[in-house]
Amino acid sequence: MELHALIRRKKNEFFICGGDGLPHELVENLTEHPRMIINLLSFETQELIEEMKSVGGLEQGGKSKLGDNAKTLLKILCHRGDAEASKFVKKHFKVPKSAA
């Protein structure tokens, strides 16, 4: 089952509960940002890097065409477990090499 479909099903089961739970509009509003994050996690590292470059960095505060801001893109890149994301973050944000 696709991740988005699974999340939608679980959201309906746990929060809306067939009309006995929270109002549908409230659940949709509260889950909008997490859905956006999950969507961003599905992109390849190179796509996120290109998007980070086009937004203009953290100072600009610009909105990404992928749906979120530069700070969120940076957080996702920092939590990636691949060398490409690590190299970009270290070079672009001048992160010093670790002493270890």
PDB file of N, CA and C in Angstrom:
ATOM      1  N   MET A   1       0.846  -1.174   0.000  1.00  0.00           N
ATOM      2  CA  MET A   1       0.000   0.000   0.000  1.00  0.00           C
ATOM      3  C   MET A   1       0.898   1.246   0.000  1.00  0.00           C
ATOM      4  N   GLU A   2       0.514   2.221  -0.775  1.00  0.00           N
ATOM      5  CA  GLU A   2       1.283   3.467  -0.848  1.00  0.00           C
ATOM      6  C   GLU A   2       1.206   4.198   0.493  1.00  0.00           C
ATOM      7  N   LEU A   3       2.302   4.870   0.842  1.00  0.00           N
ATOM      8  CA  LEU A   3       2.405   5.556   2.130  1.00  0.00           C
ATOM      9  C   LEU A   3       1.288   6.577   2.328  1.00  0.00           C
ATOM     10  N   HIS A   4       0.990   7.365   1.297  1.00  0.00           N
ATOM     11  CA  HIS A   4      -0.048   8.392   1.426  1.00  0.00           C
ATOM     12  C   HIS A   4      -1.418   7.763   1.695  1.00  0.00           C
ATOM     13  N   ALA A   5      -1.706   6.661   1.031  1.00  0.00           N
ATOM     14  CA  ALA A   5      -2.985   5.983   1.242  1.00  0.00           C
ATOM     15  C   ALA A   5      -3.069   5.400   2.648  1.00  0.00           C
ATOM     16  N   LEU A   6      -1.971   4.853   3.128  1.00  0.00           N
ATOM     17  CA  LEU A   6      -1.931   4.307   4.484  1.00  0.00           C
ATOM     18  C   LEU A   6      -2.157   5.411   5.522  1.00  0.00           C
ATOM     19  N   ILE A   7      -1.507   6.533   5.337  1.00  0.00           N
ATOM     20  CA  ILE A   7      -1.676   7.660   6.269  1.00  0.00           C
ATOM     21  C   ILE A   7      -3.115   8.153   6.253  1.00  0.00           C
ATOM     22  N   ARG A   8      -3.690   8.282   5.074  1.00  0.00           N
ATOM     23  CA  ARG A   8      -5.083   8.743   4.946  1.00  0.00           C
ATOM     24  C   ARG A   8      -6.022   7.785   5.679  1.00  0.00           C
ATOM     25  N   ARG A   9      -5.805   6.483   5.494  1.00  0.00           N
ATOM     26  CA  ARG A   9      -6.663   5.496   6.142  1.00  0.00           C
ATOM     27  C   ARG A   9      -6.531   5.559   7.664  1.00  0.00           C
ATOM     28  N   LYS A  10      -5.287   5.629   8.150  1.00  0.00           N
ATOM     29  CA  LYS A  10      -5.063   5.685   9.601  1.00  0.00           C
ATOM     30  C   LYS A  10      -5.609   6.976  10.198  1.00  0.00           C
ATOM     31  N   LYS A  11      -5.463   8.080   9.466  1.00  0.00           N
ATOM     32  CA  LYS A  11      -6.002   9.360   9.934  1.00  0.00           C
ATOM     33  C   LYS A  11      -7.516   9.252  10.114  1.00  0.00           C
ATOM     34  N   ASN A  12      -8.177   8.637   9.157  1.00  0.00           N
ATOM     35  CA  ASN A  12      -9.625   8.464   9.256  1.00  0.00           C
ATOM     36  C   ASN A  12     -10.003   7.545  10.411  1.00  0.00           C
ATOM     37  N   GLU A  13      -9.236   6.474  10.604  1.00  0.00           N
ATOM     38  CA  GLU A  13      -9.525   5.531  11.686  1.00  0.00           C
ATOM     39  C   GLU A  13      -9.336   6.143  13.062  1.00  0.00           C
ATOM     40  N   PHE A  14      -8.227   6.841  13.268  1.00  0.00           N
ATOM     41  CA  PHE A  14      -7.866   7.310  14.600  1.00  0.00           C
ATOM     42  C   PHE A  14      -8.457   8.660  14.983  1.00  0.00           C
ATOM     43  N   PHE A  15      -8.628   9.566  14.030  1.00  0.00           N
ATOM     44  CA  PHE A  15      -9.034  10.918  14.387  1.00  0.00           C
ATOM     45  C   PHE A  15     -10.467  11.257  14.012  1.00  0.00           C
ATOM     46  N   ILE A  16     -10.928  10.777  12.883  1.00  0.00           N
ATOM     47  CA  ILE A  16     -12.281  11.108  12.449  1.00  0.00           C
ATOM     48  C   ILE A  16     -13.270  10.066  12.960  1.00  0.00           C
ATOM     49  N   CYS A  17     -12.865   8.817  13.004  1.00  0.00           N
ATOM     50  CA  CYS A  17     -13.614   7.716  13.622  1.00  0.00           C
ATOM     51  C   CYS A  17     -15.057   7.614  13.131  1.00  0.00           C
ATOM     52  N   GLY A  18     -15.238   7.687  11.836  1.00  0.00           N
ATOM     53  CA  GLY A  18     -16.572   7.523  11.278  1.00  0.00           C
ATOM     54  C   GLY A  18     -17.572   8.553  11.775  1.00  0.00           C
ATOM     55  N   GLY A  19     -17.130   9.743  12.087  1.00  0.00           N
ATOM     56  CA  GLY A  19     -18.015  10.805  12.545  1.00  0.00           C
ATOM     57  C   GLY A  19     -18.074  10.957  14.052  1.00  0.00           C
ATOM     58  N   ASP A  20     -17.498  10.007  14.794  1.00  0.00           N
ATOM     59  CA  ASP A  20     -17.527  10.076  16.259  1.00  0.00           C
ATOM     60  C   ASP A  20     -16.291  10.759  16.837  1.00  0.00           C
ATOM     61  N   GLY A  21     -15.341  11.110  15.982  1.00  0.00           N
ATOM     62  CA  GLY A  21     -14.088  11.713  16.457  1.00  0.00           C
ATOM     63  C   GLY A  21     -14.058  13.209  16.220  1.00  0.00           C
ATOM     64  N   LEU A  22     -12.888  13.701  15.879  1.00  0.00           N
ATOM     65  CA  LEU A  22     -12.696  15.126  15.616  1.00  0.00           C
ATOM     66  C   LEU A  22     -13.327  15.512  14.283  1.00  0.00           C
ATOM     67  N   PRO A  23     -13.712  16.775  14.143  1.00  0.00           N
ATOM     68  CA  PRO A  23     -14.270  17.224  12.860  1.00  0.00           C
ATOM     69  C   PRO A  23     -13.256  17.061  11.724  1.00  0.00           C
ATOM     70  N   HIS A  24     -13.745  16.666  10.577  1.00  0.00           N
ATOM     71  CA  HIS A  24     -12.900  16.400   9.416  1.00  0.00           C
ATOM     72  C   HIS A  24     -12.038  17.613   9.056  1.00  0.00           C
ATOM     73  N   GLU A  25     -12.602  18.818   9.078  1.00  0.00           N
ATOM     74  CA  GLU A  25     -11.866  20.031   8.721  1.00  0.00           C
ATOM     75  C   GLU A  25     -10.701  20.268   9.680  1.00  0.00           C
ATOM     76  N   LEU A  26     -10.909  20.027  10.962  1.00  0.00           N
ATOM     77  CA  LEU A  26      -9.859  20.212  11.959  1.00  0.00           C
ATOM     78  C   LEU A  26      -8.699  19.247  11.700  1.00  0.00           C
ATOM     79  N   VAL A  27      -9.025  18.001  11.443  1.00  0.00           N
ATOM     80  CA  VAL A  27      -8.003  16.987  11.172  1.00  0.00           C
ATOM     81  C   VAL A  27      -7.227  17.345   9.909  1.00  0.00           C
ATOM     82  N   GLU A  28      -7.926  17.792   8.876  1.00  0.00           N
ATOM     83  CA  GLU A  28      -7.259  18.176   7.631  1.00  0.00           C
ATOM     84  C   GLU A  28      -6.302  19.345   7.862  1.00  0.00           C
ATOM     85  N   ASN A  29      -6.735  20.337   8.620  1.00  0.00           N
ATOM     86  CA  ASN A  29      -5.876  21.498   8.895  1.00  0.00           C
ATOM     87  C   ASN A  29      -4.645  21.109   9.709  1.00  0.00           C
ATOM     88  N   LEU A  30      -4.819  20.246  10.709  1.00  0.00           N
ATOM     89  CA  LEU A  30      -3.711  19.866  11.572  1.00  0.00           C
ATOM     90  C   LEU A  30      -2.720  18.922  10.899  1.00  0.00           C
ATOM     91  N   THR A  31      -3.166  18.204   9.894  1.00  0.00           N
ATOM     92  CA  THR A  31      -2.281  17.244   9.227  1.00  0.00           C
ATOM     93  C   THR A  31      -1.696  17.766   7.918  1.00  0.00           C
ATOM     94  N   GLU A  32      -1.991  19.002   7.572  1.00  0.00           N
ATOM     95  CA  GLU A  32      -1.491  19.562   6.313  1.00  0.00           C
ATOM     96  C   GLU A  32       0.036  19.623   6.284  1.00  0.00           C
ATOM     97  N   HIS A  33       0.663  20.152   7.319  1.00  0.00           N
ATOM     98  CA  HIS A  33       2.124  20.284   7.334  1.00  0.00           C
ATOM     99  C   HIS A  33       2.820  18.917   7.393  1.00  0.00           C
ATOM    100  N   PRO A  34       2.404  18.001   8.252  1.00  0.00           N
ATOM    101  CA  PRO A  34       3.038  16.670   8.219  1.00  0.00           C
ATOM    102  C   PRO A  34       2.920  15.975   6.856  1.00  0.00           C
ATOM    103  N   ARG A  35       1.782  16.151   6.175  1.00  0.00           N
ATOM    104  CA  ARG A  35       1.639  15.569   4.833  1.00  0.00           C
ATOM    105  C   ARG A  35       2.654  16.173   3.872  1.00  0.00           C
ATOM    106  N   MET A  36       2.895  17.489   4.003  1.00  0.00           N
ATOM    107  CA  MET A  36       3.864  18.165   3.151  1.00  0.00           C
ATOM    108  C   MET A  36       5.273  17.620   3.414  1.00  0.00           C
ATOM    109  N   ILE A  37       5.601  17.391   4.683  1.00  0.00           N
ATOM    110  CA  ILE A  37       6.915  16.850   5.041  1.00  0.00           C
ATOM    111  C   ILE A  37       7.085  15.449   4.457  1.00  0.00           C
ATOM    112  N   ILE A  38       6.080  14.620   4.605  1.00  0.00           N
ATOM    113  CA  ILE A  38       6.144  13.259   4.071  1.00  0.00           C
ATOM    114  C   ILE A  38       6.315  13.295   2.560  1.00  0.00           C
ATOM    115  N   ASN A  39       5.646  14.222   1.906  1.00  0.00           N
ATOM    116  CA  ASN A  39       5.797  14.369   0.464  1.00  0.00           C
ATOM    117  C   ASN A  39       7.229  14.764   0.103  1.00  0.00           C
ATOM    118  N   LEU A  40       7.813  15.703   0.857  1.00  0.00           N
ATOM    119  CA  LEU A  40       9.191  16.124   0.588  1.00  0.00           C
ATOM    120  C   LEU A  40      10.179  14.981   0.788  1.00  0.00           C
ATOM    121  N   LEU A  41       9.917  14.109   1.734  1.00  0.00           N
ATOM    122  CA  LEU A  41      10.804  12.973   1.984  1.00  0.00           C
ATOM    123  C   LEU A  41      10.861  12.016   0.800  1.00  0.00           C
ATOM    124  N   SER A  42       9.853  12.060  -0.052  1.00  0.00           N
ATOM    125  CA  SER A  42       9.818  11.147  -1.197  1.00  0.00           C
ATOM    126  C   SER A  42      10.692  11.612  -2.359  1.00  0.00           C
ATOM    127  N   PHE A  43      11.171  12.862  -2.332  1.00  0.00           N
ATOM    128  CA  PHE A  43      12.000  13.378  -3.418  1.00  0.00           C
ATOM    129  C   PHE A  43      13.430  12.878  -3.289  1.00  0.00           C
ATOM    130  N   GLU A  44      14.102  12.774  -4.434  1.00  0.00           N
ATOM    131  CA  GLU A  44      15.514  12.408  -4.467  1.00  0.00           C
ATOM    132  C   GLU A  44      16.338  13.559  -3.883  1.00  0.00           C
ATOM    133  N   THR A  45      17.501  13.234  -3.350  1.00  0.00           N
ATOM    134  CA  THR A  45      18.377  14.234  -2.745  1.00  0.00           C
ATOM    135  C   THR A  45      18.719  15.343  -3.737  1.00  0.00           C
ATOM    136  N   GLN A  46      19.050  14.985  -4.953  1.00  0.00           N
ATOM    137  CA  GLN A  46      19.431  15.994  -5.956  1.00  0.00           C
ATOM    138  C   GLN A  46      18.293  16.970  -6.214  1.00  0.00           C
ATOM    139  N   GLU A  47      17.058  16.494  -6.238  1.00  0.00           N
ATOM    140  CA  GLU A  47      15.913  17.383  -6.439  1.00  0.00           C
ATOM    141  C   GLU A  47      15.790  18.382  -5.284  1.00  0.00           C
ATOM    142  N   LEU A  48      15.999  17.904  -4.071  1.00  0.00           N
ATOM    143  CA  LEU A  48      15.931  18.787  -2.901  1.00  0.00           C
ATOM    144  C   LEU A  48      17.061  19.815  -2.913  1.00  0.00           C
ATOM    145  N   ILE A  49      18.245  19.395  -3.328  1.00  0.00           N
ATOM    146  CA  ILE A  49      19.383  20.320  -3.415  1.00  0.00           C
ATOM    147  C   ILE A  49      19.101  21.408  -4.446  1.00  0.00           C
ATOM    148  N   GLU A  50      18.616  21.021  -5.613  1.00  0.00           N
ATOM    149  CA  GLU A  50      18.291  22.009  -6.650  1.00  0.00           C
ATOM    150  C   GLU A  50      17.215  22.971  -6.163  1.00  0.00           C
ATOM    151  N   GLU A  51      16.246  22.463  -5.461  1.00  0.00           N
ATOM    152  CA  GLU A  51      15.188  23.314  -4.930  1.00  0.00           C
ATOM    153  C   GLU A  51      15.731  24.264  -3.871  1.00  0.00           C
ATOM    154  N   MET A  52      16.633  23.774  -3.040  1.00  0.00           N
ATOM    155  CA  MET A  52      17.254  24.610  -2.010  1.00  0.00           C
ATOM    156  C   MET A  52      18.025  25.750  -2.655  1.00  0.00           C
ATOM    157  N   LYS A  53      18.731  25.454  -3.733  1.00  0.00           N
ATOM    158  CA  LYS A  53      19.486  26.487  -4.450  1.00  0.00           C
ATOM    159  C   LYS A  53      18.545  27.518  -5.071  1.00  0.00           C
ATOM    160  N   SER A  54      17.427  27.074  -5.625  1.00  0.00           N
ATOM    161  CA  SER A  54      16.509  27.998  -6.302  1.00  0.00           C
ATOM    162  C   SER A  54      15.748  28.891  -5.326  1.00  0.00           C
ATOM    163  N   VAL A  55      15.541  28.418  -4.105  1.00  0.00           N
ATOM    164  CA  VAL A  55      14.838  29.219  -3.099  1.00  0.00           C
ATOM    165  C   VAL A  55      15.700  30.383  -2.644  1.00  0.00           C
ATOM    166  N   GLY A  56      16.991  30.214  -2.660  1.00  0.00           N
ATOM    167  CA  GLY A  56      17.883  31.314  -2.346  1.00  0.00           C
ATOM    168  C   GLY A  56      18.467  31.292  -0.949  1.00  0.00           C
ATOM    169  N   GLY A  57      18.373  30.195  -0.267  1.00  0.00           N
ATOM    170  CA  GLY A  57      18.985  30.093   1.057  1.00  0.00           C
ATOM    171  C   GLY A  57      18.043  30.453   2.183  1.00  0.00           C
ATOM    172  N   LEU A  58      18.565  30.347   3.384  1.00  0.00           N
ATOM    173  CA  LEU A  58      17.755  30.556   4.579  1.00  0.00           C
ATOM    174  C   LEU A  58      17.383  32.015   4.798  1.00  0.00           C
ATOM    175  N   GLU A  59      18.254  32.929   4.383  1.00  0.00           N
ATOM    176  CA  GLU A  59      18.007  34.348   4.615  1.00  0.00           C
ATOM    177  C   GLU A  59      16.818  34.853   3.814  1.00  0.00           C
ATOM    178  N   GLN A  60      16.639  34.298   2.639  1.00  0.00           N
ATOM    179  CA  GLN A  60      15.576  34.760   1.748  1.00  0.00           C
ATOM    180  C   GLN A  60      14.187  34.423   2.301  1.00  0.00           C
ATOM    181  N   GLY A  61      14.082  33.280   2.966  1.00  0.00           N
ATOM    182  CA  GLY A  61      12.790  32.855   3.506  1.00  0.00           C
ATOM    183  C   GLY A  61      11.769  32.534   2.430  1.00  0.00           C
ATOM    184  N   GLY A  62      12.253  32.251   1.232  1.00  0.00           N
ATOM    185  CA  GLY A  62      11.362  31.998   0.112  1.00  0.00           C
ATOM    186  C   GLY A  62      10.623  30.681   0.217  1.00  0.00           C
ATOM    187  N   LYS A  63       9.527  30.598  -0.495  1.00  0.00           N
ATOM    188  CA  LYS A  63       8.710  29.400  -0.530  1.00  0.00           C
ATOM    189  C   LYS A  63       9.169  28.526  -1.687  1.00  0.00           C
ATOM    190  N   SER A  64       9.317  27.270  -1.422  1.00  0.00           N
ATOM    191  CA  SER A  64       9.741  26.299  -2.426  1.00  0.00           C
ATOM    192  C   SER A  64       8.570  25.903  -3.310  1.00  0.00           C
ATOM    193  N   LYS A  65       8.864  25.568  -4.555  1.00  0.00           N
ATOM    194  CA  LYS A  65       7.792  25.071  -5.428  1.00  0.00           C
ATOM    195  C   LYS A  65       7.346  23.676  -4.988  1.00  0.00           C
ATOM    196  N   LEU A  66       8.164  23.035  -4.155  1.00  0.00           N
ATOM    197  CA  LEU A  66       7.799  21.714  -3.625  1.00  0.00           C
ATOM    198  C   LEU A  66       6.839  21.839  -2.445  1.00  0.00           C
ATOM    199  N   GLY A  67       6.601  23.057  -1.980  1.00  0.00           N
ATOM    200  CA  GLY A  67       5.569  23.255  -0.982  1.00  0.00           C
ATOM    201  C   GLY A  67       6.002  23.728   0.385  1.00  0.00           C
ATOM    202  N   ASP A  68       7.267  23.922   0.626  1.00  0.00           N
ATOM    203  CA  ASP A  68       7.672  24.377   1.952  1.00  0.00           C
ATOM    204  C   ASP A  68       8.810  25.374   1.834  1.00  0.00           C
ATOM    205  N   ASN A  69       9.355  25.808   2.955  1.00  0.00           N
ATOM    206  CA  ASN A  69      10.386  26.845   2.933  1.00  0.00           C
ATOM    207  C   ASN A  69      11.785  26.241   3.002  1.00  0.00           C
ATOM    208  N   ALA A  70      12.789  27.107   2.894  1.00  0.00           N
ATOM    209  CA  ALA A  70      14.187  26.675   2.857  1.00  0.00           C
ATOM    210  C   ALA A  70      14.605  25.982   4.153  1.00  0.00           C
ATOM    211  N   LYS A  71      14.090  26.423   5.291  1.00  0.00           N
ATOM    212  CA  LYS A  71      14.464  25.801   6.560  1.00  0.00           C
ATOM    213  C   LYS A  71      14.012  24.347   6.618  1.00  0.00           C
ATOM    214  N   THR A  72      12.839  24.078   6.106  1.00  0.00           N
ATOM    215  CA  THR A  72      12.344  22.701   6.090  1.00  0.00           C
ATOM    216  C   THR A  72      13.162  21.848   5.137  1.00  0.00           C
ATOM    217  N   LEU A  73      13.489  22.393   3.966  1.00  0.00           N
ATOM    218  CA  LEU A  73      14.334  21.653   3.020  1.00  0.00           C
ATOM    219  C   LEU A  73      15.682  21.325   3.641  1.00  0.00           C
ATOM    220  N   LEU A  74      16.263  22.295   4.357  1.00  0.00           N
ATOM    221  CA  LEU A  74      17.551  22.073   5.014  1.00  0.00           C
ATOM    222  C   LEU A  74      17.447  20.970   6.062  1.00  0.00           C
ATOM    223  N   LYS A  75      16.396  20.981   6.847  1.00  0.00           N
ATOM    224  CA  LYS A  75      16.213  19.947   7.870  1.00  0.00           C
ATOM    225  C   LYS A  75      16.132  18.561   7.240  1.00  0.00           C
ATOM    226  N   ILE A  76      15.427  18.461   6.131  1.00  0.00           N
ATOM    227  CA  ILE A  76      15.308  17.168   5.453  1.00  0.00           C
ATOM    228  C   ILE A  76      16.667  16.732   4.910  1.00  0.00           C
ATOM    229  N   LEU A  77      17.399  17.663   4.310  1.00  0.00           N
ATOM    230  CA  LEU A  77      18.735  17.320   3.799  1.00  0.00           C
ATOM    231  C   LEU A  77      19.671  16.907   4.928  1.00  0.00           C
ATOM    232  N   CYS A  78      19.583  17.575   6.076  1.00  0.00           N
ATOM    233  CA  CYS A  78      20.444  17.227   7.214  1.00  0.00           C
ATOM    234  C   CYS A  78      20.150  15.826   7.751  1.00  0.00           C
ATOM    235  N   HIS A  79      18.937  15.377   7.614  1.00  0.00           N
ATOM    236  CA  HIS A  79      18.569  14.056   8.139  1.00  0.00           C
ATOM    237  C   HIS A  79      18.699  12.946   7.105  1.00  0.00           C
ATOM    238  N   ARG A  80      19.124  13.298   5.895  1.00  0.00           N
ATOM    239  CA  ARG A  80      19.361  12.276   4.881  1.00  0.00           C
ATOM    240  C   ARG A  80      20.610  11.501   5.246  1.00  0.00           C
ATOM    241  N   GLY A  81      20.598  10.246   4.987  1.00  0.00           N
ATOM    242  CA  GLY A  81      21.753   9.411   5.286  1.00  0.00           C
ATOM    243  C   GLY A  81      22.640   9.183   4.089  1.00  0.00           C
ATOM    244  N   ASP A  82      22.731  10.151   3.191  1.00  0.00           N
ATOM    245  CA  ASP A  82      23.580   9.931   2.018  1.00  0.00           C
ATOM    246  C   ASP A  82      24.663  10.998   1.908  1.00  0.00           C
ATOM    247  N   ALA A  83      25.717  10.641   1.202  1.00  0.00           N
ATOM    248  CA  ALA A  83      26.898  11.505   1.084  1.00  0.00           C
ATOM    249  C   ALA A  83      26.607  12.778   0.310  1.00  0.00           C
ATOM    250  N   GLU A  84      25.747  12.697  -0.681  1.00  0.00           N
ATOM    251  CA  GLU A  84      25.440  13.866  -1.509  1.00  0.00           C
ATOM    252  C   GLU A  84      24.802  14.987  -0.672  1.00  0.00           C
ATOM    253  N   ALA A  85      23.829  14.647   0.157  1.00  0.00           N
ATOM    254  CA  ALA A  85      23.184  15.642   1.016  1.00  0.00           C
ATOM    255  C   ALA A  85      24.170  16.200   2.029  1.00  0.00           C
ATOM    256  N   SER A  86      24.969  15.324   2.618  1.00  0.00           N
ATOM    257  CA  SER A  86      25.950  15.740   3.613  1.00  0.00           C
ATOM    258  C   SER A  86      26.974  16.699   3.007  1.00  0.00           C
ATOM    259  N   LYS A  87      27.463  16.369   1.833  1.00  0.00           N
ATOM    260  CA  LYS A  87      28.457  17.208   1.157  1.00  0.00           C
ATOM    261  C   LYS A  87      27.873  18.586   0.841  1.00  0.00           C
ATOM    262  N   PHE A  88      26.635  18.623   0.346  1.00  0.00           N
ATOM    263  CA  PHE A  88      25.992  19.897   0.024  1.00  0.00           C
ATOM    264  C   PHE A  88      25.836  20.763   1.267  1.00  0.00           C
ATOM    265  N   VAL A  89      25.327  20.194   2.339  1.00  0.00           N
ATOM    266  CA  VAL A  89      25.094  20.969   3.562  1.00  0.00           C
ATOM    267  C   VAL A  89      26.414  21.491   4.116  1.00  0.00           C
ATOM    268  N   LYS A  90      27.421  20.637   4.159  1.00  0.00           N
ATOM    269  CA  LYS A  90      28.721  21.053   4.698  1.00  0.00           C
ATOM    270  C   LYS A  90      29.349  22.168   3.859  1.00  0.00           C
ATOM    271  N   LYS A  91      29.268  22.049   2.544  1.00  0.00           N
ATOM    272  CA  LYS A  91      29.877  23.041   1.661  1.00  0.00           C
ATOM    273  C   LYS A  91      29.072  24.341   1.637  1.00  0.00           C
ATOM    274  N   HIS A  92      27.772  24.225   1.465  1.00  0.00           N
ATOM    275  CA  HIS A  92      26.920  25.404   1.301  1.00  0.00           C
ATOM    276  C   HIS A  92      26.795  26.220   2.583  1.00  0.00           C
ATOM    277  N   PHE A  93      26.803  25.547   3.722  1.00  0.00           N
ATOM    278  CA  PHE A  93      26.625  26.242   4.999  1.00  0.00           C
ATOM    279  C   PHE A  93      27.909  26.295   5.819  1.00  0.00           C
ATOM    280  N   LYS A  94      29.017  25.950   5.165  1.00  0.00           N
ATOM    281  CA  LYS A  94      30.352  26.044   5.783  1.00  0.00           C
ATOM    282  C   LYS A  94      30.423  25.365   7.148  1.00  0.00           C
ATOM    283  N   VAL A  95      29.981  24.136   7.191  1.00  0.00           N
ATOM    284  CA  VAL A  95      30.039  23.334   8.408  1.00  0.00           C
ATOM    285  C   VAL A  95      31.445  22.761   8.517  1.00  0.00           C
ATOM    286  N   PRO A  96      32.136  22.987   9.647  1.00  0.00           N
ATOM    287  CA  PRO A  96      33.497  22.482   9.772  1.00  0.00           C
ATOM    288  C   PRO A  96      33.527  20.952   9.873  1.00  0.00           C
ATOM    289  N   LYS A  97      34.642  20.382   9.466  1.00  0.00           N
ATOM    290  CA  LYS A  97      34.812  18.929   9.588  1.00  0.00           C
ATOM    291  C   LYS A  97      34.831  18.574  11.073  1.00  0.00           C
ATOM    292  N   SER A  98      34.276  17.420  11.378  1.00  0.00           N
ATOM    293  CA  SER A  98      34.233  17.002  12.782  1.00  0.00           C
ATOM    294  C   SER A  98      35.624  16.563  13.228  1.00  0.00           C
ATOM    295  N   ALA A  99      35.856  16.632  14.520  1.00  0.00           N
ATOM    296  CA  ALA A  99      37.158  16.258  15.084  1.00  0.00           C
ATOM    297  C   ALA A  99      37.317  14.755  15.189  1.00  0.00           C
ATOM    298  N   ALA A 100      36.231  14.032  15.063  1.00  0.00           N
ATOM    299  CA  ALA A 100      36.274  12.576  15.236  1.00  0.00           C
ATOM    300  C   ALA A 100      36.898  11.870  14.077  1.00  0.00           C
TER     301      ALA A 100
END
